[in-house]
Amino acid sequence: MLQKSKPEIIGWLSSKRRMINLLIGLSAVVLYEIARATYRPYIYSQGINDFHIADTIGNSLGTVATIFVFTSLLGRDLAQDYFMIRTVTISVAVYELAHPLLGKPIDPWDLVATVIAGFFCEGLHRLLHRHPQNIINLDLRKRHLNRR
């Protein structure tokens, strides 16, 4: 059993895309913990209007962490990563909408932060995981056409 799993684990660990996604997700967790311990108390104690960033930092960075850790662990290719990004974003938004079932009020700012974080994650993912060979192939086609 272990011998069968070993190549899969090695393949997962050697995947640059998965490791980048995991690093971003874990960094979002660390950043959230730092912000929760320092930024939020400072903003609240000083009465600073930061446009609800301190209020929604948990949702924002939590969504980023969840998305990138899930894509790292479960995404097999780019198409599945994008599906995962959208699914996690919708799931976190549905969780926010289900708060009244848990006896909590719905926070519209958390919903907005979740959607913005989802768009941010998809944009960041597309930026980081572009396929340069597509650009090279397009460039080779242009050169081939210019020779004629």
Protein backbone atom coordinates (compact mmCIF):
# COMPACT_ATOMS: atom_id res chain seq x y z
CA MET A 1 0.00 0.00 0.00
CA LEU A 2 2.77 2.44 0.96
CA GLN A 3 4.75 1.61 -2.18
CA LYS A 4 1.71 2.45 -4.31
CA SER A 5 1.18 5.78 -2.52
CA LYS A 6 4.81 6.84 -2.58
CA PRO A 7 4.93 7.92 -6.27
CA GLU A 8 1.67 9.85 -5.83
CA ILE A 9 3.05 11.67 -2.78
CA ILE A 10 6.32 12.43 -4.55
CA GLY A 11 4.38 13.67 -7.59
CA TRP A 12 2.25 15.90 -5.38
CA LEU A 13 5.26 17.33 -3.57
CA SER A 14 7.10 17.99 -6.85
CA SER A 15 4.15 19.87 -8.36
CA LYS A 16 5.13 23.52 -8.43
CA ARG A 17 1.49 24.61 -8.82
CA ARG A 18 0.36 22.69 -5.74
CA MET A 19 3.22 23.92 -3.59
CA ILE A 20 2.61 27.56 -4.59
CA ASN A 21 -1.08 27.18 -3.76
CA LEU A 22 -0.30 25.59 -0.39
CA LEU A 23 2.22 28.31 0.43
CA ILE A 24 -0.31 31.06 -0.38
CA GLY A 25 -3.00 29.34 1.70
CA LEU A 26 -0.78 28.85 4.73
CA SER A 27 0.55 32.41 4.40
CA ALA A 28 -3.04 33.69 4.50
CA VAL A 29 -3.58 31.79 7.77
CA VAL A 30 -0.43 33.29 9.31
CA LEU A 31 -1.33 36.77 8.07
CA TYR A 32 -4.84 36.41 9.52
CA GLU A 33 -3.49 35.42 12.92
CA ILE A 34 -1.12 38.38 12.95
CA ALA A 35 -3.85 40.80 11.83
CA ARG A 36 -6.31 39.42 14.38
CA ALA A 37 -3.81 39.89 17.19
CA THR A 38 -2.47 43.33 16.17
CA TYR A 39 -4.39 45.15 13.42
CA ARG A 40 -7.95 44.60 14.58
CA PRO A 41 -7.37 45.62 18.25
CA TYR A 42 -5.43 48.70 17.15
CA ILE A 43 -8.16 49.83 14.73
CA TYR A 44 -10.88 49.27 17.32
CA SER A 45 -8.99 50.98 20.16
CA GLN A 46 -8.20 54.06 18.05
CA GLY A 47 -11.70 54.30 16.56
CA ILE A 48 -10.28 54.39 13.04
CA ASN A 49 -12.66 53.95 10.11
CA ASP A 50 -10.85 51.44 7.89
CA PHE A 51 -13.89 50.76 5.69
CA HIS A 52 -14.73 47.49 7.52
CA ILE A 53 -11.38 45.84 6.80
CA ALA A 54 -10.83 44.99 10.48
CA ASP A 55 -14.37 43.59 10.67
CA THR A 56 -14.00 41.38 7.60
CA ILE A 57 -10.34 40.35 7.85
CA GLY A 58 -11.35 36.89 9.06
CA ASN A 59 -13.63 36.29 6.12
CA SER A 60 -11.25 37.78 3.59
CA LEU A 61 -8.11 35.94 4.62
CA GLY A 62 -10.07 32.85 5.68
CA THR A 63 -11.55 32.59 2.20
CA VAL A 64 -8.10 33.01 0.61
CA ALA A 65 -6.63 30.36 2.92
CA THR A 66 -9.48 27.91 2.31
CA ILE A 67 -9.38 28.35 -1.46
CA PHE A 68 -5.65 27.91 -1.88
CA VAL A 69 -5.29 25.02 0.59
CA PHE A 70 -8.20 23.18 -1.07
CA THR A 71 -6.80 23.74 -4.57
CA SER A 72 -3.43 22.55 -3.35
CA LEU A 73 -4.80 19.36 -1.83
CA LEU A 74 -7.61 18.51 -4.26
CA GLY A 75 -6.96 20.26 -7.57
CA ARG A 76 -5.52 17.97 -10.24
CA ASP A 77 -5.36 20.52 -13.04
CA LEU A 78 -6.13 24.17 -13.74
CA ALA A 79 -9.75 23.54 -14.73
CA GLN A 80 -10.39 21.74 -11.48
CA ASP A 81 -8.60 24.52 -9.56
CA TYR A 82 -10.95 27.13 -11.03
CA PHE A 83 -13.95 24.96 -10.22
CA MET A 84 -12.63 24.62 -6.66
CA ILE A 85 -12.11 28.39 -6.32
CA ARG A 86 -15.69 29.09 -7.34
CA THR A 87 -17.13 26.26 -5.26
CA VAL A 88 -15.30 27.34 -2.10
CA THR A 89 -16.32 30.98 -2.62
CA ILE A 90 -19.97 30.01 -3.01
CA SER A 91 -19.74 27.64 -0.02
CA VAL A 92 -18.35 30.34 2.26
CA ALA A 93 -21.06 32.76 1.08
CA VAL A 94 -23.77 30.15 1.77
CA TYR A 95 -22.26 29.59 5.21
CA GLU A 96 -22.56 33.33 5.85
CA LEU A 97 -26.19 33.26 4.73
CA ALA A 98 -26.87 30.33 7.08
CA HIS A 99 -25.80 32.31 10.15
CA PRO A 100 -29.39 32.91 11.30
CA LEU A 101 -29.75 29.14 11.66
CA LEU A 102 -26.86 29.33 14.13
CA GLY A 103 -28.41 32.22 16.02
CA LYS A 104 -26.10 34.85 14.51
CA PRO A 105 -27.02 37.78 12.29
CA ILE A 106 -26.00 37.91 8.62
CA ASP A 107 -23.17 40.38 8.14
CA PRO A 108 -23.44 41.87 4.64
CA TRP A 109 -19.86 43.14 4.82
CA ASP A 110 -18.64 39.57 5.33
CA LEU A 111 -20.58 38.50 2.24
CA VAL A 112 -19.01 41.29 0.21
CA ALA A 113 -15.55 40.40 1.56
CA THR A 114 -16.07 36.75 0.61
CA VAL A 115 -17.04 37.58 -2.97
CA ILE A 116 -14.16 40.04 -3.37
CA ALA A 117 -11.73 37.45 -1.93
CA GLY A 118 -13.04 34.85 -4.40
CA PHE A 119 -12.47 37.17 -7.36
CA PHE A 120 -9.05 38.08 -5.98
CA CYS A 121 -8.10 34.40 -5.63
CA GLU A 122 -9.15 33.53 -9.16
CA GLY A 123 -7.23 36.50 -10.55
CA LEU A 124 -4.14 35.69 -8.52
CA HIS A 125 -4.34 32.03 -9.51
CA ARG A 126 -4.63 32.93 -13.21
CA LEU A 127 -1.71 35.34 -12.90
CA LEU A 128 0.55 32.85 -11.14
CA HIS A 129 -0.30 29.76 -13.16
CA ARG A 130 -0.28 31.06 -16.72
CA HIS A 131 1.09 28.64 -19.28
CA PRO A 132 4.09 30.27 -20.93
CA GLN A 133 4.16 27.52 -23.58
CA ASN A 134 0.87 28.92 -24.95
CA ILE A 135 2.57 32.27 -25.43
CA ILE A 136 5.59 30.57 -27.05
CA ASN A 137 3.35 28.54 -29.39
CA LEU A 138 1.49 31.68 -30.42
CA ASP A 139 4.81 33.44 -31.04
CA LEU A 140 6.04 30.51 -33.17
CA ARG A 141 2.85 30.61 -35.24
CA LYS A 142 3.33 34.33 -35.88
CA ARG A 143 6.90 33.73 -36.99
CA HIS A 144 5.80 30.93 -39.28
CA LEU A 145 3.12 33.11 -40.86
CA ASN A 146 5.56 36.02 -41.34
CA ARG A 147 7.97 33.81 -43.31
CA ARG A 148 5.39 33.26 -46.05
